[in-house]
PDB file of N, CA and C in Angstrom:
ATOM      1  N   MET A   1      88.331  84.429 122.676  1.00  0.00           N
ATOM      2  CA  MET A   1      88.806  85.619 123.348  1.00  0.00           C
ATOM      3  C   MET A   1      87.617  86.280 124.044  1.00  0.00           C
ATOM      4  N   GLN A   2      87.826  86.797 125.240  1.00  0.00           N
ATOM      5  CA  GLN A   2      86.747  87.382 126.030  1.00  0.00           C
ATOM      6  C   GLN A   2      86.752  88.904 126.041  1.00  0.00           C
ATOM      7  N   ALA A   3      87.715  89.537 125.380  1.00  0.00           N
ATOM      8  CA  ALA A   3      87.872  90.988 125.464  1.00  0.00           C
ATOM      9  C   ALA A   3      86.794  91.735 124.693  1.00  0.00           C
ATOM     10  N   ASP A   4      86.279  92.823 125.299  1.00  0.00           N
ATOM     11  CA  ASP A   4      85.351  93.715 124.601  1.00  0.00           C
ATOM     12  C   ASP A   4      86.118  94.665 123.694  1.00  0.00           C
ATOM     13  N   ILE A   5      87.337  95.008 124.108  1.00  0.00           N
ATOM     14  CA  ILE A   5      88.211  95.885 123.327  1.00  0.00           C
ATOM     15  C   ILE A   5      89.552  95.185 123.175  1.00  0.00           C
ATOM     16  N   LEU A   6      90.023  95.096 121.947  1.00  0.00           N
ATOM     17  CA  LEU A   6      91.319  94.479 121.673  1.00  0.00           C
ATOM     18  C   LEU A   6      92.214  95.504 120.996  1.00  0.00           C
ATOM     19  N   VAL A   7      93.360  95.782 121.599  1.00  0.00           N
ATOM     20  CA  VAL A   7      94.374  96.639 120.988  1.00  0.00           C
ATOM     21  C   VAL A   7      95.547  95.734 120.654  1.00  0.00           C
ATOM     22  N   SER A   8      95.857  95.635 119.371  1.00  0.00           N
ATOM     23  CA  SER A   8      96.898  94.711 118.933  1.00  0.00           C
ATOM     24  C   SER A   8      98.111  95.453 118.403  1.00  0.00           C
ATOM     25  N   ALA A   9      99.273  95.069 118.905  1.00  0.00           N
ATOM     26  CA  ALA A   9     100.552  95.608 118.430  1.00  0.00           C
ATOM     27  C   ALA A   9     101.596  94.496 118.496  1.00  0.00           C
ATOM     28  N   THR A  10     101.286  93.357 117.901  1.00  0.00           N
ATOM     29  CA  THR A  10     102.179  92.202 117.979  1.00  0.00           C
ATOM     30  C   THR A  10     103.376  92.315 117.047  1.00  0.00           C
ATOM     31  N   GLY A  11     103.201  93.044 115.947  1.00  0.00           N
ATOM     32  CA  GLY A  11     104.274  93.139 114.962  1.00  0.00           C
ATOM     33  C   GLY A  11     104.340  91.937 114.036  1.00  0.00           C
ATOM     34  N   LYS A  12     103.276  91.146 114.024  1.00  0.00           N
ATOM     35  CA  LYS A  12     103.208  89.972 113.147  1.00  0.00           C
ATOM     36  C   LYS A  12     101.930  90.054 112.318  1.00  0.00           C
ATOM     37  N   GLY A  13     102.086  90.145 111.015  1.00  0.00           N
ATOM     38  CA  GLY A  13     100.951  90.291 110.125  1.00  0.00           C
ATOM     39  C   GLY A  13      99.958  89.147 110.214  1.00  0.00           C
ATOM     40  N   HIS A  14      98.688  89.516 110.325  1.00  0.00           N
ATOM     41  CA  HIS A  14      97.577  88.564 110.385  1.00  0.00           C
ATOM     42  C   HIS A  14      97.759  87.519 111.483  1.00  0.00           C
ATOM     43  N   PHE A  15      98.394  87.915 112.576  1.00  0.00           N
ATOM     44  CA  PHE A  15      98.624  87.011 113.702  1.00  0.00           C
ATOM     45  C   PHE A  15      97.311  86.613 114.378  1.00  0.00           C
ATOM     46  N   ILE A  16      96.348  87.536 114.404  1.00  0.00           N
ATOM     47  CA  ILE A  16      95.087  87.292 115.106  1.00  0.00           C
ATOM     48  C   ILE A  16      93.993  86.953 114.093  1.00  0.00           C
ATOM     49  N   PRO A  17      93.531  85.707 114.100  1.00  0.00           N
ATOM     50  CA  PRO A  17      92.474  85.315 113.160  1.00  0.00           C
ATOM     51  C   PRO A  17      91.104  85.804 113.632  1.00  0.00           C
ATOM     52  N   GLY A  18      90.171  85.874 112.712  1.00  0.00           N
ATOM     53  CA  GLY A  18      88.818  86.298 113.051  1.00  0.00           C
ATOM     54  C   GLY A  18      88.163  85.426 114.102  1.00  0.00           C
ATOM     55  N   SER A  19      88.515  84.155 114.143  1.00  0.00           N
ATOM     56  CA  SER A  19      87.911  83.223 115.109  1.00  0.00           C
ATOM     57  C   SER A  19      88.243  83.576 116.554  1.00  0.00           C
ATOM     58  N   TRP A  20      89.277  84.376 116.769  1.00  0.00           N
ATOM     59  CA  TRP A  20      89.642  84.786 118.122  1.00  0.00           C
ATOM     60  C   TRP A  20      88.802  85.960 118.620  1.00  0.00           C
ATOM     61  N   LEU A  21      88.048  86.596 117.754  1.00  0.00           N
ATOM     62  CA  LEU A  21      87.367  87.842 118.095  1.00  0.00           C
ATOM     63  C   LEU A  21      85.968  87.594 118.636  1.00  0.00           C
ATOM     64  N   LYS A  22      85.659  88.285 119.715  1.00  0.00           N
ATOM     65  CA  LYS A  22      84.367  88.173 120.370  1.00  0.00           C
ATOM     66  C   LYS A  22      83.323  89.004 119.620  1.00  0.00           C
ATOM     67  N   SER A  23      82.137  88.501 119.516  1.00  0.00           N
ATOM     68  CA  SER A  23      81.036  89.232 118.904  1.00  0.00           C
ATOM     69  C   SER A  23      80.806  90.551 119.647  1.00  0.00           C
ATOM     70  N   GLY A  24      80.663  91.645 118.896  1.00  0.00           N
ATOM     71  CA  GLY A  24      80.426  92.954 119.491  1.00  0.00           C
ATOM     72  C   GLY A  24      81.670  93.674 119.967  1.00  0.00           C
ATOM     73  N   SER A  25      82.836  93.096 119.759  1.00  0.00           N
ATOM     74  CA  SER A  25      84.072  93.718 120.248  1.00  0.00           C
ATOM     75  C   SER A  25      84.537  94.854 119.338  1.00  0.00           C
ATOM     76  N   VAL A  26      85.406  95.686 119.894  1.00  0.00           N
ATOM     77  CA  VAL A  26      86.035  96.786 119.167  1.00  0.00           C
ATOM     78  C   VAL A  26      87.509  96.439 119.015  1.00  0.00           C
ATOM     79  N   ILE A  27      88.014  96.503 117.783  1.00  0.00           N
ATOM     80  CA  ILE A  27      89.385  96.108 117.488  1.00  0.00           C
ATOM     81  C   ILE A  27      90.184  97.330 117.059  1.00  0.00           C
ATOM     82  N   VAL A  28      91.275  97.603 117.777  1.00  0.00           N
ATOM     83  CA  VAL A  28      92.209  98.664 117.408  1.00  0.00           C
ATOM     84  C   VAL A  28      93.496  97.976 116.968  1.00  0.00           C
ATOM     85  N   ASP A  29      93.701  97.938 115.666  1.00  0.00           N
ATOM     86  CA  ASP A  29      94.869  97.256 115.095  1.00  0.00           C
ATOM     87  C   ASP A  29      95.965  98.287 114.856  1.00  0.00           C
ATOM     88  N   VAL A  30      96.972  98.280 115.723  1.00  0.00           N
ATOM     89  CA  VAL A  30      98.076  99.231 115.649  1.00  0.00           C
ATOM     90  C   VAL A  30      99.214  98.688 114.788  1.00  0.00           C
ATOM     91  N   GLY A  31      99.179  97.409 114.484  1.00  0.00           N
ATOM     92  CA  GLY A  31     100.262  96.765 113.744  1.00  0.00           C
ATOM     93  C   GLY A  31     100.401  97.266 112.320  1.00  0.00           C
ATOM     94  N   ILE A  32     101.633  97.456 111.896  1.00  0.00           N
ATOM     95  CA  ILE A  32     101.958  97.797 110.507  1.00  0.00           C
ATOM     96  C   ILE A  32     102.979  96.766 110.046  1.00  0.00           C
ATOM     97  N   ASN A  33     102.566  95.905 109.150  1.00  0.00           N
ATOM     98  CA  ASN A  33     103.413  94.821 108.672  1.00  0.00           C
ATOM     99  C   ASN A  33     103.359  94.771 107.151  1.00  0.00           C
ATOM    100  N   VAL A  34     104.415  94.278 106.544  1.00  0.00           N
ATOM    101  CA  VAL A  34     104.447  94.102 105.095  1.00  0.00           C
ATOM    102  C   VAL A  34     104.144  92.641 104.782  1.00  0.00           C
ATOM    103  N   CYS A  35     103.142  92.422 103.959  1.00  0.00           N
ATOM    104  CA  CYS A  35     102.789  91.067 103.532  1.00  0.00           C
ATOM    105  C   CYS A  35     103.894  90.539 102.626  1.00  0.00           C
ATOM    106  N   GLN A  36     104.445  89.391 102.968  1.00  0.00           N
ATOM    107  CA  GLN A  36     105.543  88.818 102.191  1.00  0.00           C
ATOM    108  C   GLN A  36     105.112  88.431 100.778  1.00  0.00           C
ATOM    109  N   LYS A  37     103.853  88.040 100.608  1.00  0.00           N
ATOM    110  CA  LYS A  37     103.364  87.602  99.295  1.00  0.00           C
ATOM    111  C   LYS A  37     103.087  88.763  98.349  1.00  0.00           C
ATOM    112  N   THR A  38     102.461  89.831  98.874  1.00  0.00           N
ATOM    113  CA  THR A  38     102.004  90.920  98.007  1.00  0.00           C
ATOM    114  C   THR A  38     102.800  92.208  98.147  1.00  0.00           C
ATOM    115  N   GLY A  39     103.521  92.351  99.262  1.00  0.00           N
ATOM    116  CA  GLY A  39     104.254  93.588  99.523  1.00  0.00           C
ATOM    117  C   GLY A  39     103.370  94.706 100.052  1.00  0.00           C
ATOM    118  N   SER A  40     102.089  94.424 100.279  1.00  0.00           N
ATOM    119  CA  SER A  40     101.173  95.445 100.787  1.00  0.00           C
ATOM    120  C   SER A  40     101.228  95.503 102.312  1.00  0.00           C
ATOM    121  N   LEU A  41     100.720  96.613 102.871  1.00  0.00           N
ATOM    122  CA  LEU A  41     100.672  96.765 104.318  1.00  0.00           C
ATOM    123  C   LEU A  41      99.466  96.022 104.872  1.00  0.00           C
ATOM    124  N   ILE A  42      99.696  95.301 105.961  1.00  0.00           N
ATOM    125  CA  ILE A  42      98.629  94.572 106.643  1.00  0.00           C
ATOM    126  C   ILE A  42      98.769  94.785 108.140  1.00  0.00           C
ATOM    127  N   GLY A  43      97.674  94.564 108.854  1.00  0.00           N
ATOM    128  CA  GLY A  43      97.689  94.687 110.303  1.00  0.00           C
ATOM    129  C   GLY A  43      97.942  93.358 110.988  1.00  0.00           C
ATOM    130  N   ASP A  44      97.923  93.401 112.315  1.00  0.00           N
ATOM    131  CA  ASP A  44      98.095  92.195 113.116  1.00  0.00           C
ATOM    132  C   ASP A  44      96.855  91.302 113.050  1.00  0.00           C
ATOM    133  N   VAL A  45      95.694  91.936 112.881  1.00  0.00           N
ATOM    134  CA  VAL A  45      94.424  91.219 112.823  1.00  0.00           C
ATOM    135  C   VAL A  45      94.103  90.905 111.364  1.00  0.00           C
ATOM    136  N   CYS A  46      93.638  89.710 111.116  1.00  0.00           N
ATOM    137  CA  CYS A  46      93.217  89.335 109.763  1.00  0.00           C
ATOM    138  C   CYS A  46      91.915  90.085 109.465  1.00  0.00           C
ATOM    139  N   TYR A  47      92.049  91.207 108.777  1.00  0.00           N
ATOM    140  CA  TYR A  47      90.950  92.156 108.569  1.00  0.00           C
ATOM    141  C   TYR A  47      89.749  91.511 107.880  1.00  0.00           C
ATOM    142  N   GLN A  48      89.970  90.784 106.804  1.00  0.00           N
ATOM    143  CA  GLN A  48      88.857  90.174 106.064  1.00  0.00           C
ATOM    144  C   GLN A  48      88.079  89.188 106.929  1.00  0.00           C
ATOM    145  N   GLU A  49      88.767  88.442 107.758  1.00  0.00           N
ATOM    146  CA  GLU A  49      88.077  87.524 108.672  1.00  0.00           C
ATOM    147  C   GLU A  49      87.318  88.301 109.741  1.00  0.00           C
ATOM    148  N   ALA A  50      87.916  89.385 110.212  1.00  0.00           N
ATOM    149  CA  ALA A  50      87.302  90.179 111.278  1.00  0.00           C
ATOM    150  C   ALA A  50      86.008  90.836 110.815  1.00  0.00           C
ATOM    151  N   ILE A  51      86.020  91.424 109.615  1.00  0.00           N
ATOM    152  CA  ILE A  51      84.801  92.102 109.161  1.00  0.00           C
ATOM    153  C   ILE A  51      83.693  91.108 108.812  1.00  0.00           C
ATOM    154  N   GLY A  52      84.048  89.855 108.649  1.00  0.00           N
ATOM    155  CA  GLY A  52      83.053  88.819 108.417  1.00  0.00           C
ATOM    156  C   GLY A  52      82.349  88.367 109.686  1.00  0.00           C
ATOM    157  N   ARG A  53      82.836  88.823 110.833  1.00  0.00           N
ATOM    158  CA  ARG A  53      82.240  88.455 112.119  1.00  0.00           C
ATOM    159  C   ARG A  53      81.396  89.617 112.625  1.00  0.00           C
ATOM    160  N   ASP A  54      80.665  89.404 113.691  1.00  0.00           N
ATOM    161  CA  ASP A  54      79.776  90.423 114.247  1.00  0.00           C
ATOM    162  C   ASP A  54      80.534  91.300 115.248  1.00  0.00           C
ATOM    163  N   ILE A  55      81.507  92.077 114.746  1.00  0.00           N
ATOM    164  CA  ILE A  55      82.250  92.980 115.626  1.00  0.00           C
ATOM    165  C   ILE A  55      81.663  94.384 115.497  1.00  0.00           C
ATOM    166  N   ALA A  56      81.854  95.198 116.530  1.00  0.00           N
ATOM    167  CA  ALA A  56      81.290  96.552 116.534  1.00  0.00           C
ATOM    168  C   ALA A  56      82.092  97.493 115.644  1.00  0.00           C
ATOM    169  N   ALA A  57      83.429  97.399 115.697  1.00  0.00           N
ATOM    170  CA  ALA A  57      84.277  98.308 114.920  1.00  0.00           C
ATOM    171  C   ALA A  57      85.688  97.749 114.835  1.00  0.00           C
ATOM    172  N   ILE A  58      86.382  98.141 113.761  1.00  0.00           N
ATOM    173  CA  ILE A  58      87.787  97.764 113.591  1.00  0.00           C
ATOM    174  C   ILE A  58      88.496  98.880 112.834  1.00  0.00           C
ATOM    175  N   THR A  59      89.735  99.161 113.229  1.00  0.00           N
ATOM    176  CA  THR A  59      90.533 100.142 112.493  1.00  0.00           C
ATOM    177  C   THR A  59      91.207  99.438 111.321  1.00  0.00           C
ATOM    178  N   PRO A  60      91.139 100.025 110.132  1.00  0.00           N
ATOM    179  CA  PRO A  60      91.789  99.404 108.979  1.00  0.00           C
ATOM    180  C   PRO A  60      93.292  99.660 108.972  1.00  0.00           C
ATOM    181  N   VAL A  61      94.014  98.815 108.265  1.00  0.00           N
ATOM    182  CA  VAL A  61      95.453  99.007 108.043  1.00  0.00           C
ATOM    183  C   VAL A  61      95.689  98.825 106.552  1.00  0.00           C
ATOM    184  N   PRO A  62      96.245  99.840 105.888  1.00  0.00           N
ATOM    185  CA  PRO A  62      96.618 101.166 106.403  1.00  0.00           C
ATOM    186  C   PRO A  62      95.404 102.095 106.485  1.00  0.00           C
ATOM    187  N   GLY A  63      95.614 103.259 107.085  1.00  0.00           N
ATOM    188  CA  GLY A  63      94.594 104.296 107.137  1.00  0.00           C
ATOM    189  C   GLY A  63      93.808 104.390 108.421  1.00  0.00           C
ATOM    190  N   GLY A  64      94.096 103.558 109.392  1.00  0.00           N
ATOM    191  CA  GLY A  64      93.356 103.600 110.650  1.00  0.00           C
ATOM    192  C   GLY A  64      94.059 104.434 111.700  1.00  0.00           C
ATOM    193  N   ILE A  65      95.038 103.853 112.348  1.00  0.00           N
ATOM    194  CA  ILE A  65      95.754 104.506 113.438  1.00  0.00           C
ATOM    195  C   ILE A  65      96.852 105.437 112.926  1.00  0.00           C
ATOM    196  N   GLY A  66      97.437 105.137 111.783  1.00  0.00           N
ATOM    197  CA  GLY A  66      98.542 105.939 111.245  1.00  0.00           C
ATOM    198  C   GLY A  66      98.250 107.423 111.131  1.00  0.00           C
ATOM    199  N   PRO A  67      97.151 107.838 110.486  1.00  0.00           N
ATOM    200  CA  PRO A  67      96.848 109.265 110.389  1.00  0.00           C
ATOM    201  C   PRO A  67      96.647 109.920 111.758  1.00  0.00           C
ATOM    202  N   LEU A  68      96.053 109.194 112.701  1.00  0.00           N
ATOM    203  CA  LEU A  68      95.890 109.722 114.053  1.00  0.00           C
ATOM    204  C   LEU A  68      97.248 109.901 114.722  1.00  0.00           C
ATOM    205  N   THR A  69      98.144 108.957 114.536  1.00  0.00           N
ATOM    206  CA  THR A  69      99.495 109.053 115.094  1.00  0.00           C
ATOM    207  C   THR A  69     100.216 110.281 114.555  1.00  0.00           C
ATOM    208  N   VAL A  70     100.129 110.504 113.254  1.00  0.00           N
ATOM    209  CA  VAL A  70     100.774 111.671 112.638  1.00  0.00           C
ATOM    210  C   VAL A  70     100.172 112.960 113.188  1.00  0.00           C
ATOM    211  N   ALA A  71      98.856 113.012 113.315  1.00  0.00           N
ATOM    212  CA  ALA A  71      98.198 114.211 113.844  1.00  0.00           C
ATOM    213  C   ALA A  71      98.641 114.508 115.273  1.00  0.00           C
ATOM    214  N   MET A  72      98.732 113.475 116.103  1.00  0.00           N
ATOM    215  CA  MET A  72      99.155 113.679 117.493  1.00  0.00           C
ATOM    216  C   MET A  72     100.620 114.094 117.572  1.00  0.00           C
ATOM    217  N   LEU A  73     101.476 113.531 116.718  1.00  0.00           N
ATOM    218  CA  LEU A  73     102.880 113.947 116.680  1.00  0.00           C
ATOM    219  C   LEU A  73     102.997 115.416 116.305  1.00  0.00           C
ATOM    220  N   MET A  74     102.206 115.842 115.327  1.00  0.00           N
ATOM    221  CA  MET A  74     102.229 117.247 114.918  1.00  0.00           C
ATOM    222  C   MET A  74     101.752 118.153 116.053  1.00  0.00           C
ATOM    223  N   GLU A  75     100.669 117.754 116.723  1.00  0.00           N
ATOM    224  CA  GLU A  75     100.157 118.549 117.836  1.00  0.00           C
ATOM    225  C   GLU A  75     101.198 118.650 118.952  1.00  0.00           C
ATOM    226  N   ASN A  76     101.827 117.541 119.298  1.00  0.00           N
ATOM    227  CA  ASN A  76     102.847 117.553 120.349  1.00  0.00           C
ATOM    228  C   ASN A  76     104.061 118.377 119.952  1.00  0.00           C
ATOM    229  N   THR A  77     104.431 118.349 118.669  1.00  0.00           N
ATOM    230  CA  THR A  77     105.553 119.163 118.192  1.00  0.00           C
ATOM    231  C   THR A  77     105.231 120.644 118.328  1.00  0.00           C
ATOM    232  N   VAL A  78     104.022 121.036 117.940  1.00  0.00           N
ATOM    233  CA  VAL A  78     103.604 122.438 118.070  1.00  0.00           C
ATOM    234  C   VAL A  78     103.580 122.846 119.538  1.00  0.00           C
ATOM    235  N   ASN A  79     103.011 122.012 120.402  1.00  0.00           N
ATOM    236  CA  ASN A  79     102.965 122.324 121.836  1.00  0.00           C
ATOM    237  C   ASN A  79     104.362 122.469 122.428  1.00  0.00           C
ATOM    238  N   ALA A  80     105.266 121.570 122.075  1.00  0.00           N
ATOM    239  CA  ALA A  80     106.636 121.636 122.593  1.00  0.00           C
ATOM    240  C   ALA A  80     107.341 122.893 122.097  1.00  0.00           C
ATOM    241  N   THR A  81     107.112 123.255 120.841  1.00  0.00           N
ATOM    242  CA  THR A  81     107.726 124.466 120.289  1.00  0.00           C
ATOM    243  C   THR A  81     107.199 125.700 121.004  1.00  0.00           C
ATOM    244  N   GLU A  82     105.894 125.764 121.229  1.00  0.00           N
ATOM    245  CA  GLU A  82     105.307 126.902 121.944  1.00  0.00           C
ATOM    246  C   GLU A  82     105.880 127.024 123.352  1.00  0.00           C
ATOM    247  N   GLU A  83     106.002 125.905 124.055  1.00  0.00           N
ATOM    248  CA  GLU A  83     106.571 125.928 125.409  1.00  0.00           C
ATOM    249  C   GLU A  83     108.029 126.377 125.387  1.00  0.00           C
ATOM    250  N   SER A  84     108.781 125.917 124.414  1.00  0.00           N
ATOM    251  CA  SER A  84     110.183 126.313 124.286  1.00  0.00           C
ATOM    252  C   SER A  84     110.304 127.810 124.044  1.00  0.00           C
ATOM    253  N   ILE A  85     109.454 128.337 123.186  1.00  0.00           N
ATOM    254  CA  ILE A  85     109.474 129.779 122.902  1.00  0.00           C
ATOM    255  C   ILE A  85     109.127 130.565 124.156  1.00  0.00           C
ATOM    256  N   LYS A  86     108.108 130.127 124.904  1.00  0.00           N
ATOM    257  CA  LYS A  86     107.723 130.809 126.141  1.00  0.00           C
ATOM    258  C   LYS A  86     108.880 130.828 127.137  1.00  0.00           C
ATOM    259  N   LYS A  87     109.573 129.710 127.294  1.00  0.00           N
ATOM    260  CA  LYS A  87     110.701 129.643 128.228  1.00  0.00           C
ATOM    261  C   LYS A  87     111.830 130.553 127.781  1.00  0.00           C
ATOM    262  N   ASN A  88     112.137 130.550 126.496  1.00  0.00           N
ATOM    263  CA  ASN A  88     113.216 131.394 125.985  1.00  0.00           C
ATOM    264  C   ASN A  88     112.884 132.867 126.122  1.00  0.00           C
ATOM    265  N   LEU A  89     111.640 133.263 125.891  1.00  0.00           N
ATOM    266  CA  LEU A  89     111.242 134.659 126.051  1.00  0.00           C
ATOM    267  C   LEU A  89     111.323 135.075 127.510  1.00  0.00           C
ATOM    268  N   HIS A  90     110.976 134.173 128.418  1.00  0.00           N
ATOM    269  CA  HIS A  90     111.051 134.462 129.842  1.00  0.00           C
ATOM    270  C   HIS A  90     112.502 134.702 130.273  1.00  0.00           C
ATOM    271  N   HIS A  91     113.429 133.916 129.725  1.00  0.00           N
ATOM    272  CA  HIS A  91     114.837 134.036 130.098  1.00  0.00           C
ATOM    273  C   HIS A  91     115.461 135.336 129.600  1.00  0.00           C
ATOM    274  N   VAL A  92     114.956 135.885 128.515  1.00  0.00           N
ATOM    275  CA  VAL A  92     115.534 137.126 127.991  1.00  0.00           C
ATOM    276  C   VAL A  92     114.769 138.355 128.461  1.00  0.00           C
ATOM    277  N   GLY A  93     113.794 138.166 129.344  1.00  0.00           N
ATOM    278  CA  GLY A  93     113.118 139.291 129.961  1.00  0.00           C
ATOM    279  C   GLY A  93     111.845 139.759 129.290  1.00  0.00           C
ATOM    280  N   PHE A  94     111.255 138.973 128.439  1.00  0.00           N
ATOM    281  CA  PHE A  94     109.986 139.372 127.805  1.00  0.00           C
ATOM    282  C   PHE A  94     108.815 138.810 128.560  1.00  0.00           C
TER     283      PHE A  94
END
């Protein structure tokens, strides 16, 4: 693989082996999959193989992208609520 940055969202656990990863690359593993053998959550990238290579960074699964996703959803919910309140106050003359 020639990519400096890899964002994976294949939906298939451990689909991307460490051998596919370029030295010095940054891996963003967005995949959330359940391992059929253990029942644990795993990403699209084979994490143990990836950390054994000379990569710059990788997001873990779980605990990598998930908390950021929740934080952004909360921020967007607050922003949408604030905008809704502003529009409603404008319509009633405030």
